[in-house]
């Protein structure tokens, strides 16, 4: 293999690694946004039809992106809400979601 081909192969490998790294970071932000939106919409749909979902999502995003503990809290709340009825989530998820929604 010539030096030019080796250099091209190295460049392609570095570029692929950089793109993979960027896409992984982007997915994390998207996952956090989805979790917050799901939690806030669920609260609006189940508890208060006039609830400000945008403000909730903003607070939740700040918490979820602020620390590993905040991300964990958002993920626990969202996981608890998955597959539950409104009544079930009100009784089962109050503790997990208390720091995110009222």
PDB file of N, CA and C in Angstrom:
ATOM      1  N   UNK A   1       0.848  -1.167   0.000  1.00  0.00           N
ATOM      2  CA  UNK A   1       0.000   0.000   0.000  1.00  0.00           C
ATOM      3  C   UNK A   1       0.902   1.241   0.000  1.00  0.00           C
ATOM      4  N   UNK A   2       0.566   2.198  -0.822  1.00  0.00           N
ATOM      5  CA  UNK A   2       1.396   3.399  -0.914  1.00  0.00           C
ATOM      6  C   UNK A   2       1.156   4.303   0.286  1.00  0.00           C
ATOM      7  N   UNK A   3       2.096   5.229   0.503  1.00  0.00           N
ATOM      8  CA  UNK A   3       1.964   6.176   1.609  1.00  0.00           C
ATOM      9  C   UNK A   3       0.706   7.017   1.476  1.00  0.00           C
ATOM     10  N   UNK A   4       0.368   7.382   0.265  1.00  0.00           N
ATOM     11  CA  UNK A   4      -0.822   8.218   0.038  1.00  0.00           C
ATOM     12  C   UNK A   4      -2.091   7.442   0.420  1.00  0.00           C
ATOM     13  N   UNK A   5      -2.159   6.175   0.085  1.00  0.00           N
ATOM     14  CA  UNK A   5      -3.322   5.361   0.436  1.00  0.00           C
ATOM     15  C   UNK A   5      -3.406   5.158   1.950  1.00  0.00           C
ATOM     16  N   UNK A   6      -2.258   4.919   2.598  1.00  0.00           N
ATOM     17  CA  UNK A   6      -2.246   4.760   4.055  1.00  0.00           C
ATOM     18  C   UNK A   6      -2.712   6.032   4.741  1.00  0.00           C
ATOM     19  N   UNK A   7      -2.242   7.171   4.247  1.00  0.00           N
ATOM     20  CA  UNK A   7      -2.641   8.450   4.817  1.00  0.00           C
ATOM     21  C   UNK A   7      -4.145   8.683   4.634  1.00  0.00           C
ATOM     22  N   UNK A   8      -4.649   8.336   3.463  1.00  0.00           N
ATOM     23  CA  UNK A   8      -6.079   8.472   3.192  1.00  0.00           C
ATOM     24  C   UNK A   8      -6.902   7.566   4.093  1.00  0.00           C
ATOM     25  N   UNK A   9      -6.422   6.350   4.314  1.00  0.00           N
ATOM     26  CA  UNK A   9      -7.129   5.410   5.184  1.00  0.00           C
ATOM     27  C   UNK A   9      -7.140   5.919   6.629  1.00  0.00           C
ATOM     28  N   UNK A  10      -6.006   6.461   7.098  1.00  0.00           N
ATOM     29  CA  UNK A  10      -5.950   7.027   8.450  1.00  0.00           C
ATOM     30  C   UNK A  10      -6.909   8.204   8.594  1.00  0.00           C
ATOM     31  N   UNK A  11      -6.911   9.071   7.587  1.00  0.00           N
ATOM     32  CA  UNK A  11      -7.802  10.230   7.628  1.00  0.00           C
ATOM     33  C   UNK A  11      -9.263   9.774   7.686  1.00  0.00           C
ATOM     34  N   UNK A  12      -9.614   8.780   6.875  1.00  0.00           N
ATOM     35  CA  UNK A  12     -10.985   8.267   6.867  1.00  0.00           C
ATOM     36  C   UNK A  12     -11.356   7.673   8.227  1.00  0.00           C
ATOM     37  N   UNK A  13     -10.415   6.960   8.850  1.00  0.00           N
ATOM     38  CA  UNK A  13     -10.683   6.366  10.170  1.00  0.00           C
ATOM     39  C   UNK A  13     -10.876   7.446  11.230  1.00  0.00           C
ATOM     40  N   UNK A  14     -10.038   8.483  11.183  1.00  0.00           N
ATOM     41  CA  UNK A  14     -10.168   9.582  12.147  1.00  0.00           C
ATOM     42  C   UNK A  14     -11.483  10.314  11.942  1.00  0.00           C
ATOM     43  N   UNK A  15     -11.831  10.567  10.685  1.00  0.00           N
ATOM     44  CA  UNK A  15     -13.091  11.247  10.379  1.00  0.00           C
ATOM     45  C   UNK A  15     -14.284  10.414  10.852  1.00  0.00           C
ATOM     46  N   UNK A  16     -14.253   9.120  10.626  1.00  0.00           N
ATOM     47  CA  UNK A  16     -15.344   8.244  11.063  1.00  0.00           C
ATOM     48  C   UNK A  16     -15.477   8.249  12.583  1.00  0.00           C
ATOM     49  N   UNK A  17     -14.352   8.222  13.292  1.00  0.00           N
ATOM     50  CA  UNK A  17     -14.392   8.250  14.756  1.00  0.00           C
ATOM     51  C   UNK A  17     -14.951   9.574  15.261  1.00  0.00           C
ATOM     52  N   UNK A  18     -14.550  10.659  14.627  1.00  0.00           N
ATOM     53  CA  UNK A  18     -15.059  11.972  15.036  1.00  0.00           C
ATOM     54  C   UNK A  18     -16.561  12.066  14.807  1.00  0.00           C
ATOM     55  N   UNK A  19     -17.035  11.613  13.672  1.00  0.00           N
ATOM     56  CA  UNK A  19     -18.474  11.653  13.381  1.00  0.00           C
ATOM     57  C   UNK A  19     -19.259  10.761  14.341  1.00  0.00           C
ATOM     58  N   UNK A  20     -18.720   9.600  14.659  1.00  0.00           N
ATOM     59  CA  UNK A  20     -19.385   8.713  15.606  1.00  0.00           C
ATOM     60  C   UNK A  20     -19.487   9.376  16.972  1.00  0.00           C
ATOM     61  N   UNK A  21     -18.437  10.037  17.390  1.00  0.00           N
ATOM     62  CA  UNK A  21     -18.438  10.732  18.678  1.00  0.00           C
ATOM     63  C   UNK A  21     -19.484  11.832  18.699  1.00  0.00           C
ATOM     64  N   UNK A  22     -19.563  12.607  17.637  1.00  0.00           N
ATOM     65  CA  UNK A  22     -20.560  13.680  17.565  1.00  0.00           C
ATOM     66  C   UNK A  22     -21.973  13.127  17.578  1.00  0.00           C
ATOM     67  N   UNK A  23     -22.198  12.039  16.863  1.00  0.00           N
ATOM     68  CA  UNK A  23     -23.551  11.491  16.821  1.00  0.00           C
ATOM     69  C   UNK A  23     -23.955  10.912  18.166  1.00  0.00           C
ATOM     70  N   UNK A  24     -23.024  10.336  18.918  1.00  0.00           N
ATOM     71  CA  UNK A  24     -23.353   9.811  20.241  1.00  0.00           C
ATOM     72  C   UNK A  24     -23.727  10.945  21.187  1.00  0.00           C
ATOM     73  N   UNK A  25     -23.001  12.044  21.153  1.00  0.00           N
ATOM     74  CA  UNK A  25     -23.329  13.190  21.999  1.00  0.00           C
ATOM     75  C   UNK A  25     -24.680  13.765  21.612  1.00  0.00           C
ATOM     76  N   UNK A  26     -24.973  13.835  20.333  1.00  0.00           N
ATOM     77  CA  UNK A  26     -26.259  14.348  19.874  1.00  0.00           C
ATOM     78  C   UNK A  26     -27.407  13.477  20.336  1.00  0.00           C
ATOM     79  N   UNK A  27     -27.229  12.165  20.335  1.00  0.00           N
ATOM     80  CA  UNK A  27     -28.290  11.266  20.776  1.00  0.00           C
ATOM     81  C   UNK A  27     -28.608  11.482  22.242  1.00  0.00           C
ATOM     82  N   UNK A  28     -27.604  11.719  23.042  1.00  0.00           N
ATOM     83  CA  UNK A  28     -27.833  11.941  24.457  1.00  0.00           C
ATOM     84  C   UNK A  28     -28.729  13.150  24.674  1.00  0.00           C
ATOM     85  N   UNK A  29     -28.470  14.234  23.976  1.00  0.00           N
ATOM     86  CA  UNK A  29     -29.296  15.435  24.116  1.00  0.00           C
ATOM     87  C   UNK A  29     -30.714  15.167  23.639  1.00  0.00           C
ATOM     88  N   UNK A  30     -30.840  14.417  22.546  1.00  0.00           N
ATOM     89  CA  UNK A  30     -32.173  14.110  22.037  1.00  0.00           C
ATOM     90  C   UNK A  30     -32.920  13.237  23.030  1.00  0.00           C
ATOM     91  N   UNK A  31     -32.249  12.239  23.612  1.00  0.00           N
ATOM     92  CA  UNK A  31     -32.907  11.383  24.596  1.00  0.00           C
ATOM     93  C   UNK A  31     -33.399  12.196  25.785  1.00  0.00           C
ATOM     94  N   UNK A  32     -32.595  13.104  26.287  1.00  0.00           N
ATOM     95  CA  UNK A  32     -33.014  13.922  27.417  1.00  0.00           C
ATOM     96  C   UNK A  32     -34.209  14.778  27.067  1.00  0.00           C
ATOM     97  N   UNK A  33     -34.206  15.372  25.898  1.00  0.00           N
ATOM     98  CA  UNK A  33     -35.328  16.212  25.485  1.00  0.00           C
ATOM     99  C   UNK A  33     -36.592  15.368  25.382  1.00  0.00           C
ATOM    100  N   UNK A  34     -36.483  14.166  24.826  1.00  0.00           N
ATOM    101  CA  UNK A  34     -37.654  13.300  24.694  1.00  0.00           C
ATOM    102  C   UNK A  34     -38.197  12.927  26.072  1.00  0.00           C
ATOM    103  N   UNK A  35     -37.322  12.560  26.990  1.00  0.00           N
ATOM    104  CA  UNK A  35     -37.765  12.191  28.328  1.00  0.00           C
ATOM    105  C   UNK A  35     -38.526  13.343  28.979  1.00  0.00           C
ATOM    106  N   UNK A  36     -37.986  14.531  28.896  1.00  0.00           N
ATOM    107  CA  UNK A  36     -38.624  15.684  29.519  1.00  0.00           C
ATOM    108  C   UNK A  36     -39.960  15.983  28.868  1.00  0.00           C
ATOM    109  N   UNK A  37     -40.011  15.930  27.564  1.00  0.00           N
ATOM    110  CA  UNK A  37     -41.269  16.195  26.881  1.00  0.00           C
ATOM    111  C   UNK A  37     -42.325  15.163  27.275  1.00  0.00           C
ATOM    112  N   UNK A  38     -41.935  13.896  27.322  1.00  0.00           N
ATOM    113  CA  UNK A  38     -42.882  12.836  27.678  1.00  0.00           C
ATOM    114  C   UNK A  38     -43.428  13.036  29.092  1.00  0.00           C
ATOM    115  N   UNK A  39     -42.557  13.372  30.026  1.00  0.00           N
ATOM    116  CA  UNK A  39     -42.971  13.586  31.416  1.00  0.00           C
ATOM    117  C   UNK A  39     -43.932  14.765  31.516  1.00  0.00           C
ATOM    118  N   UNK A  40     -43.580  15.868  30.885  1.00  0.00           N
ATOM    119  CA  UNK A  40     -44.388  17.084  30.996  1.00  0.00           C
ATOM    120  C   UNK A  40     -45.732  16.954  30.291  1.00  0.00           C
ATOM    121  N   UNK A  41     -45.733  16.334  29.132  1.00  0.00           N
ATOM    122  CA  UNK A  41     -46.999  16.122  28.413  1.00  0.00           C
ATOM    123  C   UNK A  41     -47.887  15.173  29.207  1.00  0.00           C
ATOM    124  N   UNK A  42     -47.284  14.158  29.775  1.00  0.00           N
ATOM    125  CA  UNK A  42     -48.068  13.195  30.569  1.00  0.00           C
ATOM    126  C   UNK A  42     -48.737  13.888  31.759  1.00  0.00           C
ATOM    127  N   UNK A  43     -47.997  14.778  32.435  1.00  0.00           N
ATOM    128  CA  UNK A  43     -48.564  15.523  33.562  1.00  0.00           C
ATOM    129  C   UNK A  43     -49.734  16.378  33.081  1.00  0.00           C
ATOM    130  N   UNK A  44     -49.539  17.067  31.967  1.00  0.00           N
ATOM    131  CA  UNK A  44     -50.620  17.893  31.419  1.00  0.00           C
ATOM    132  C   UNK A  44     -51.842  17.038  31.089  1.00  0.00           C
ATOM    133  N   UNK A  45     -51.629  15.921  30.404  1.00  0.00           N
ATOM    134  CA  UNK A  45     -52.736  15.072  29.977  1.00  0.00           C
ATOM    135  C   UNK A  45     -53.462  14.421  31.147  1.00  0.00           C
ATOM    136  N   UNK A  46     -52.741  14.095  32.205  1.00  0.00           N
ATOM    137  CA  UNK A  46     -53.338  13.355  33.319  1.00  0.00           C
ATOM    138  C   UNK A  46     -53.811  14.233  34.471  1.00  0.00           C
ATOM    139  N   UNK A  47     -53.188  15.388  34.664  1.00  0.00           N
ATOM    140  CA  UNK A  47     -53.456  16.151  35.882  1.00  0.00           C
ATOM    141  C   UNK A  47     -54.037  17.529  35.619  1.00  0.00           C
ATOM    142  N   UNK A  48     -53.439  18.292  34.705  1.00  0.00           N
ATOM    143  CA  UNK A  48     -53.820  19.691  34.537  1.00  0.00           C
ATOM    144  C   UNK A  48     -53.771  20.061  33.062  1.00  0.00           C
ATOM    145  N   UNK A  49     -54.915  20.166  32.431  1.00  0.00           N
ATOM    146  CA  UNK A  49     -54.972  20.426  30.989  1.00  0.00           C
ATOM    147  C   UNK A  49     -54.406  21.789  30.608  1.00  0.00           C
ATOM    148  N   UNK A  50     -54.221  22.688  31.581  1.00  0.00           N
ATOM    149  CA  UNK A  50     -53.661  24.010  31.287  1.00  0.00           C
ATOM    150  C   UNK A  50     -52.186  24.103  31.680  1.00  0.00           C
ATOM    151  N   UNK A  51     -51.585  22.995  32.038  1.00  0.00           N
ATOM    152  CA  UNK A  51     -50.187  22.968  32.487  1.00  0.00           C
ATOM    153  C   UNK A  51     -49.264  23.476  31.386  1.00  0.00           C
ATOM    154  N   UNK A  52     -48.291  24.289  31.733  1.00  0.00           N
ATOM    155  CA  UNK A  52     -47.340  24.867  30.787  1.00  0.00           C
ATOM    156  C   UNK A  52     -46.232  23.853  30.484  1.00  0.00           C
ATOM    157  N   UNK A  53     -46.425  23.096  29.426  1.00  0.00           N
ATOM    158  CA  UNK A  53     -45.486  22.039  29.047  1.00  0.00           C
ATOM    159  C   UNK A  53     -44.129  22.621  28.666  1.00  0.00           C
ATOM    160  N   UNK A  54     -44.114  23.750  27.972  1.00  0.00           N
ATOM    161  CA  UNK A  54     -42.838  24.351  27.543  1.00  0.00           C
ATOM    162  C   UNK A  54     -41.985  24.749  28.749  1.00  0.00           C
ATOM    163  N   UNK A  55     -42.601  25.360  29.755  1.00  0.00           N
ATOM    164  CA  UNK A  55     -41.850  25.756  30.956  1.00  0.00           C
ATOM    165  C   UNK A  55     -41.374  24.523  31.718  1.00  0.00           C
ATOM    166  N   UNK A  56     -42.208  23.514  31.809  1.00  0.00           N
ATOM    167  CA  UNK A  56     -41.832  22.260  32.474  1.00  0.00           C
ATOM    168  C   UNK A  56     -40.653  21.620  31.746  1.00  0.00           C
ATOM    169  N   UNK A  57     -40.743  21.560  30.431  1.00  0.00           N
ATOM    170  CA  UNK A  57     -39.680  20.940  29.636  1.00  0.00           C
ATOM    171  C   UNK A  57     -38.362  21.694  29.824  1.00  0.00           C
ATOM    172  N   UNK A  58     -38.429  23.011  29.886  1.00  0.00           N
ATOM    173  CA  UNK A  58     -37.228  23.818  30.092  1.00  0.00           C
ATOM    174  C   UNK A  58     -36.593  23.524  31.452  1.00  0.00           C
ATOM    175  N   UNK A  59     -37.410  23.489  32.513  1.00  0.00           N
ATOM    176  CA  UNK A  59     -36.890  23.166  33.853  1.00  0.00           C
ATOM    177  C   UNK A  59     -36.304  21.756  33.881  1.00  0.00           C
ATOM    178  N   UNK A  60     -37.020  20.840  33.259  1.00  0.00           N
ATOM    179  CA  UNK A  60     -36.600  19.439  33.232  1.00  0.00           C
ATOM    180  C   UNK A  60     -35.300  19.284  32.436  1.00  0.00           C
ATOM    181  N   UNK A  61     -35.192  19.962  31.293  1.00  0.00           N
ATOM    182  CA  UNK A  61     -33.964  19.904  30.497  1.00  0.00           C
ATOM    183  C   UNK A  61     -32.783  20.436  31.296  1.00  0.00           C
ATOM    184  N   UNK A  62     -32.989  21.537  32.016  1.00  0.00           N
ATOM    185  CA  UNK A  62     -31.929  22.113  32.834  1.00  0.00           C
ATOM    186  C   UNK A  62     -31.480  21.108  33.883  1.00  0.00           C
ATOM    187  N   UNK A  63     -32.436  20.461  34.530  1.00  0.00           N
ATOM    188  CA  UNK A  63     -32.115  19.451  35.550  1.00  0.00           C
ATOM    189  C   UNK A  63     -31.417  18.253  34.911  1.00  0.00           C
ATOM    190  N   UNK A  64     -31.940  17.770  33.809  1.00  0.00           N
ATOM    191  CA  UNK A  64     -31.394  16.580  33.161  1.00  0.00           C
ATOM    192  C   UNK A  64     -30.019  16.784  32.562  1.00  0.00           C
ATOM    193  N   UNK A  65     -29.741  17.995  32.114  1.00  0.00           N
ATOM    194  CA  UNK A  65     -28.445  18.279  31.510  1.00  0.00           C
ATOM    195  C   UNK A  65     -27.449  18.834  32.518  1.00  0.00           C
ATOM    196  N   UNK A  66     -27.899  19.118  33.738  1.00  0.00           N
ATOM    197  CA  UNK A  66     -27.036  19.747  34.731  1.00  0.00           C
ATOM    198  C   UNK A  66     -26.085  18.802  35.440  1.00  0.00           C
ATOM    199  N   UNK A  67     -26.499  17.545  35.603  1.00  0.00           N
ATOM    200  CA  UNK A  67     -25.654  16.600  36.337  1.00  0.00           C
ATOM    201  C   UNK A  67     -26.115  15.174  36.054  1.00  0.00           C
ATOM    202  N   UNK A  68     -25.280  14.250  36.411  1.00  0.00           N
ATOM    203  CA  UNK A  68     -25.642  12.835  36.258  1.00  0.00           C
ATOM    204  C   UNK A  68     -26.828  12.491  37.157  1.00  0.00           C
ATOM    205  N   UNK A  69     -26.867  13.076  38.351  1.00  0.00           N
ATOM    206  CA  UNK A  69     -27.990  12.826  39.265  1.00  0.00           C
ATOM    207  C   UNK A  69     -29.284  13.359  38.677  1.00  0.00           C
ATOM    208  N   UNK A  70     -29.231  14.524  38.049  1.00  0.00           N
ATOM    209  CA  UNK A  70     -30.413  15.102  37.415  1.00  0.00           C
ATOM    210  C   UNK A  70     -30.904  14.243  36.263  1.00  0.00           C
ATOM    211  N   UNK A  71     -29.969  13.756  35.428  1.00  0.00           N
ATOM    212  CA  UNK A  71     -30.338  12.865  34.322  1.00  0.00           C
ATOM    213  C   UNK A  71     -30.988  11.602  34.852  1.00  0.00           C
ATOM    214  N   UNK A  72     -30.429  11.070  35.914  1.00  0.00           N
ATOM    215  CA  UNK A  72     -30.965   9.859  36.516  1.00  0.00           C
ATOM    216  C   UNK A  72     -32.391  10.085  37.034  1.00  0.00           C
ATOM    217  N   UNK A  73     -32.610  11.242  37.650  1.00  0.00           N
ATOM    218  CA  UNK A  73     -33.936  11.569  38.173  1.00  0.00           C
ATOM    219  C   UNK A  73     -34.969  11.669  37.044  1.00  0.00           C
ATOM    220  N   UNK A  74     -34.605  12.341  35.970  1.00  0.00           N
ATOM    221  CA  UNK A  74     -35.511  12.461  34.821  1.00  0.00           C
ATOM    222  C   UNK A  74     -35.792  11.085  34.236  1.00  0.00           C
ATOM    223  N   UNK A  75     -34.765  10.267  34.073  1.00  0.00           N
ATOM    224  CA  UNK A  75     -34.951   8.933  33.509  1.00  0.00           C
ATOM    225  C   UNK A  75     -35.805   8.044  34.403  1.00  0.00           C
ATOM    226  N   UNK A  76     -35.630   8.132  35.734  1.00  0.00           N
ATOM    227  CA  UNK A  76     -36.461   7.333  36.655  1.00  0.00           C
ATOM    228  C   UNK A  76     -37.932   7.727  36.537  1.00  0.00           C
ATOM    229  N   UNK A  77     -38.188   9.014  36.467  1.00  0.00           N
ATOM    230  CA  UNK A  77     -39.565   9.490  36.359  1.00  0.00           C
ATOM    231  C   UNK A  77     -40.185   8.999  35.059  1.00  0.00           C
ATOM    232  N   UNK A  78     -39.484   9.198  33.957  1.00  0.00           N
ATOM    233  CA  UNK A  78     -40.020   8.803  32.659  1.00  0.00           C
ATOM    234  C   UNK A  78     -40.234   7.297  32.590  1.00  0.00           C
ATOM    235  N   UNK A  79     -39.310   6.531  33.142  1.00  0.00           N
ATOM    236  CA  UNK A  79     -39.440   5.068  33.138  1.00  0.00           C
ATOM    237  C   UNK A  79     -40.646   4.626  33.961  1.00  0.00           C
ATOM    238  N   UNK A  80     -40.887   5.298  35.071  1.00  0.00           N
ATOM    239  CA  UNK A  80     -42.037   4.958  35.907  1.00  0.00           C
ATOM    240  C   UNK A  80     -43.347   5.202  35.164  1.00  0.00           C
ATOM    241  N   UNK A  81     -43.410   6.303  34.426  1.00  0.00           N
ATOM    242  CA  UNK A  81     -44.638   6.669  33.727  1.00  0.00           C
ATOM    243  C   UNK A  81     -44.952   5.756  32.550  1.00  0.00           C
ATOM    244  N   UNK A  82     -43.933   5.148  31.955  1.00  0.00           N
ATOM    245  CA  UNK A  82     -44.137   4.304  30.774  1.00  0.00           C
ATOM    246  C   UNK A  82     -45.111   3.176  31.059  1.00  0.00           C
ATOM    247  N   UNK A  83     -46.138   3.086  30.248  1.00  0.00           N
ATOM    248  CA  UNK A  83     -47.083   1.988  30.326  1.00  0.00           C
ATOM    249  C   UNK A  83     -48.107   2.083  31.429  1.00  0.00           C
ATOM    250  N   UNK A  84     -48.114   3.164  32.195  1.00  0.00           N
ATOM    251  CA  UNK A  84     -49.079   3.301  33.287  1.00  0.00           C
ATOM    252  C   UNK A  84     -50.253   4.176  32.854  1.00  0.00           C
ATOM    253  N   UNK A  85     -51.390   3.876  33.424  1.00  0.00           N
ATOM    254  CA  UNK A  85     -52.546   4.747  33.229  1.00  0.00           C
ATOM    255  C   UNK A  85     -52.319   6.021  34.028  1.00  0.00           C
ATOM    256  N   UNK A  86     -53.170   7.009  33.797  1.00  0.00           N
ATOM    257  CA  UNK A  86     -53.045   8.260  34.550  1.00  0.00           C
ATOM    258  C   UNK A  86     -53.217   8.012  36.049  1.00  0.00           C
ATOM    259  N   UNK A  87     -54.182   7.203  36.420  1.00  0.00           N
ATOM    260  CA  UNK A  87     -54.412   6.916  37.838  1.00  0.00           C
ATOM    261  C   UNK A  87     -53.223   6.172  38.423  1.00  0.00           C
ATOM    262  N   UNK A  88     -52.740   5.174  37.704  1.00  0.00           N
ATOM    263  CA  UNK A  88     -51.593   4.399  38.176  1.00  0.00           C
ATOM    264  C   UNK A  88     -50.354   5.254  38.337  1.00  0.00           C
ATOM    265  N   UNK A  89     -50.119   6.137  37.372  1.00  0.00           N
ATOM    266  CA  UNK A  89     -48.922   6.970  37.454  1.00  0.00           C
ATOM    267  C   UNK A  89     -49.018   7.970  38.595  1.00  0.00           C
ATOM    268  N   UNK A  90     -50.208   8.462  38.884  1.00  0.00           N
ATOM    269  CA  UNK A  90     -50.377   9.410  39.992  1.00  0.00           C
ATOM    270  C   UNK A  90     -50.015   8.749  41.321  1.00  0.00           C
ATOM    271  N   UNK A  91     -50.394   7.488  41.488  1.00  0.00           N
ATOM    272  CA  UNK A  91     -50.115   6.797  42.750  1.00  0.00           C
ATOM    273  C   UNK A  91     -48.712   6.201  42.795  1.00  0.00           C
ATOM    274  N   UNK A  92     -48.210   5.717  41.669  1.00  0.00           N
ATOM    275  CA  UNK A  92     -46.942   5.003  41.659  1.00  0.00           C
ATOM    276  C   UNK A  92     -45.717   5.884  41.425  1.00  0.00           C
ATOM    277  N   UNK A  93     -45.885   7.017  40.742  1.00  0.00           N
ATOM    278  CA  UNK A  93     -44.723   7.785  40.282  1.00  0.00           C
ATOM    279  C   UNK A  93     -44.546   9.128  40.978  1.00  0.00           C
ATOM    280  N   UNK A  94     -45.305   9.390  42.009  1.00  0.00           N
ATOM    281  CA  UNK A  94     -45.207  10.673  42.701  1.00  0.00           C
ATOM    282  C   UNK A  94     -43.820  10.946  43.235  1.00  0.00           C
ATOM    283  N   UNK A  95     -43.207   9.961  43.849  1.00  0.00           N
ATOM    284  CA  UNK A  95     -41.872  10.141  44.423  1.00  0.00           C
ATOM    285  C   UNK A  95     -40.830  10.330  43.306  1.00  0.00           C
ATOM    286  N   UNK A  96     -40.889   9.491  42.274  1.00  0.00           N
ATOM    287  CA  UNK A  96     -39.904   9.559  41.195  1.00  0.00           C
ATOM    288  C   UNK A  96     -39.999  10.862  40.410  1.00  0.00           C
ATOM    289  N   UNK A  97     -41.182  11.463  40.334  1.00  0.00           N
ATOM    290  CA  UNK A  97     -41.386  12.632  39.494  1.00  0.00           C
ATOM    291  C   UNK A  97     -41.536  13.935  40.283  1.00  0.00           C
ATOM    292  N   UNK A  98     -41.455  13.884  41.592  1.00  0.00           N
ATOM    293  CA  UNK A  98     -41.727  15.076  42.398  1.00  0.00           C
ATOM    294  C   UNK A  98     -40.743  16.213  42.157  1.00  0.00           C
ATOM    295  N   UNK A  99     -39.525  15.936  41.768  1.00  0.00           N
ATOM    296  CA  UNK A  99     -38.563  16.992  41.492  1.00  0.00           C
ATOM    297  C   UNK A  99     -38.657  17.561  40.103  1.00  0.00           C
ATOM    298  N   UNK A 100     -39.544  17.014  39.291  1.00  0.00           N
ATOM    299  CA  UNK A 100     -39.654  17.433  37.893  1.00  0.00           C
ATOM    300  C   UNK A 100     -40.974  18.143  37.623  1.00  0.00           C
ATOM    301  N   UNK A 101     -42.064  17.564  38.082  1.00  0.00           N
ATOM    302  CA  UNK A 101     -43.383  18.187  37.943  1.00  0.00           C
ATOM    303  C   UNK A 101     -43.949  18.413  39.344  1.00  0.00           C
ATOM    304  N   UNK A 102     -44.872  19.353  39.465  1.00  0.00           N
ATOM    305  CA  UNK A 102     -45.426  19.631  40.817  1.00  0.00           C
ATOM    306  C   UNK A 102     -46.052  18.430  41.474  1.00  0.00           C
TER     307      UNK A 102
END
